[in-house]
Amino acid sequence: MEWIEVVNNVGFPIAISCYLLLKIEVKLNKLISLIHQTLGHEESRS
């Protein structure tokens, strides 16, 4: 299904919300990874 069809079928706000959720998910995964790396380094220093 093409992007335009999705917008026509589900509506503009829902399509934008889905797009933003996908973008945020990637950034949250990177942030979680960095937090785990930081905590791991702090534990090894003690």
N, C-alpha and C. Protein backbone atom coordinates (compact mmCIF):
# COMPACT_ATOMS: atom_id res chain seq x y z
N MET A 1 0.84 -1.18 0.00
CA MET A 1 0.00 0.00 0.00
C MET A 1 0.89 1.25 0.00
N GLU A 2 0.58 2.17 -0.82
CA GLU A 2 1.40 3.37 -0.92
C GLU A 2 1.06 4.35 0.19
N TRP A 3 2.00 5.26 0.44
CA TRP A 3 1.84 6.26 1.51
C TRP A 3 0.59 7.11 1.29
N ILE A 4 0.32 7.51 0.08
CA ILE A 4 -0.86 8.36 -0.21
C ILE A 4 -2.15 7.61 0.08
N GLU A 5 -2.18 6.33 -0.24
CA GLU A 5 -3.37 5.54 0.05
C GLU A 5 -3.61 5.44 1.56
N VAL A 6 -2.54 5.30 2.31
CA VAL A 6 -2.66 5.23 3.77
C VAL A 6 -3.25 6.53 4.30
N VAL A 7 -2.74 7.66 3.81
CA VAL A 7 -3.24 8.96 4.27
C VAL A 7 -4.71 9.12 3.91
N ASN A 8 -5.10 8.70 2.72
CA ASN A 8 -6.50 8.82 2.31
C ASN A 8 -7.40 7.89 3.11
N ASN A 9 -6.92 6.71 3.45
CA ASN A 9 -7.76 5.74 4.14
C ASN A 9 -7.87 5.99 5.65
N VAL A 10 -6.77 6.27 6.28
CA VAL A 10 -6.79 6.41 7.74
C VAL A 10 -6.84 7.84 8.22
N GLY A 11 -6.48 8.75 7.40
CA GLY A 11 -6.51 10.14 7.82
C GLY A 11 -5.13 10.67 8.10
N PHE A 12 -5.00 11.95 7.89
CA PHE A 12 -3.71 12.62 8.06
C PHE A 12 -3.17 12.53 9.48
N PRO A 13 -3.95 12.82 10.51
CA PRO A 13 -3.39 12.79 11.88
C PRO A 13 -2.88 11.40 12.29
N ILE A 14 -3.59 10.36 11.90
CA ILE A 14 -3.15 9.01 12.27
C ILE A 14 -1.86 8.65 11.53
N ALA A 15 -1.77 9.01 10.27
CA ALA A 15 -0.56 8.72 9.49
C ALA A 15 0.64 9.45 10.08
N ILE A 16 0.46 10.71 10.44
CA ILE A 16 1.56 11.49 11.03
C ILE A 16 1.96 10.90 12.38
N SER A 17 0.98 10.50 13.18
CA SER A 17 1.27 9.91 14.49
C SER A 17 2.09 8.63 14.35
N CYS A 18 1.73 7.79 13.42
CA CYS A 18 2.48 6.55 13.18
C CYS A 18 3.91 6.84 12.74
N TYR A 19 4.06 7.79 11.85
CA TYR A 19 5.39 8.16 11.37
C TYR A 19 6.26 8.65 12.53
N LEU A 20 5.70 9.52 13.35
CA LEU A 20 6.47 10.07 14.47
C LEU A 20 6.80 8.99 15.50
N LEU A 21 5.88 8.07 15.74
CA LEU A 21 6.17 6.99 16.68
C LEU A 21 7.32 6.13 16.19
N LEU A 22 7.37 5.85 14.90
CA LEU A 22 8.47 5.07 14.36
C LEU A 22 9.80 5.81 14.48
N LYS A 23 9.79 7.11 14.23
CA LYS A 23 11.02 7.91 14.35
C LYS A 23 11.49 7.95 15.80
N ILE A 24 10.56 8.09 16.74
CA ILE A 24 10.92 8.17 18.15
C ILE A 24 11.46 6.83 18.63
N GLU A 25 10.90 5.74 18.13
CA GLU A 25 11.34 4.41 18.55
C GLU A 25 12.83 4.21 18.27
N VAL A 26 13.28 4.63 17.10
CA VAL A 26 14.69 4.48 16.74
C VAL A 26 15.56 5.29 17.70
N LYS A 27 15.15 6.51 17.98
CA LYS A 27 15.94 7.36 18.87
C LYS A 27 15.93 6.83 20.31
N LEU A 28 14.81 6.27 20.76
CA LEU A 28 14.75 5.70 22.09
C LEU A 28 15.66 4.48 22.21
N ASN A 29 15.70 3.66 21.18
CA ASN A 29 16.59 2.50 21.20
C ASN A 29 18.05 2.92 21.31
N LYS A 30 18.43 3.98 20.60
CA LYS A 30 19.80 4.48 20.69
C LYS A 30 20.08 5.03 22.08
N LEU A 31 19.11 5.74 22.66
CA LEU A 31 19.28 6.31 24.00
C LEU A 31 19.41 5.20 25.04
N ILE A 32 18.60 4.17 24.94
CA ILE A 32 18.68 3.04 25.87
C ILE A 32 20.04 2.37 25.77
N SER A 33 20.53 2.21 24.55
CA SER A 33 21.84 1.60 24.36
C SER A 33 22.94 2.43 25.02
N LEU A 34 22.87 3.74 24.84
CA LEU A 34 23.87 4.62 25.46
C LEU A 34 23.80 4.58 26.98
N ILE A 35 22.58 4.50 27.52
CA ILE A 35 22.43 4.41 28.98
C ILE A 35 23.05 3.12 29.50
N HIS A 36 22.80 2.02 28.81
CA HIS A 36 23.39 0.74 29.22
C HIS A 36 24.91 0.80 29.15
N GLN A 37 25.45 1.41 28.12
CA GLN A 37 26.90 1.53 28.00
C GLN A 37 27.46 2.37 29.13
N THR A 38 26.80 3.48 29.44
CA THR A 38 27.26 4.37 30.50
C THR A 38 27.21 3.67 31.85
N LEU A 39 26.13 2.99 32.15
CA LEU A 39 26.02 2.28 33.42
C LEU A 39 27.05 1.16 33.51
N GLY A 40 27.32 0.52 32.41
CA GLY A 40 28.32 -0.53 32.41
C GLY A 40 29.71 0.00 32.72
N HIS A 41 30.03 1.17 32.19
CA HIS A 41 31.34 1.77 32.45
C HIS A 41 31.45 2.22 33.91
N GLU A 42 30.37 2.73 34.48
CA GLU A 42 30.40 3.18 35.87
C GLU A 42 30.57 2.00 36.81
N GLU A 43 29.92 0.87 36.51
CA GLU A 43 30.03 -0.31 37.37
C GLU A 43 31.45 -0.88 37.35
N SER A 44 32.11 -0.82 36.20
CA SER A 44 33.45 -1.39 36.10
C SER A 44 34.49 -0.51 36.81
N ARG A 45 34.20 0.77 37.01
CA ARG A 45 35.13 1.68 37.70
C ARG A 45 35.12 1.42 39.21
N SER A 46 34.00 0.98 39.77
CA SER A 46 33.89 0.81 41.24
C SER A 46 34.68 -0.36 41.73
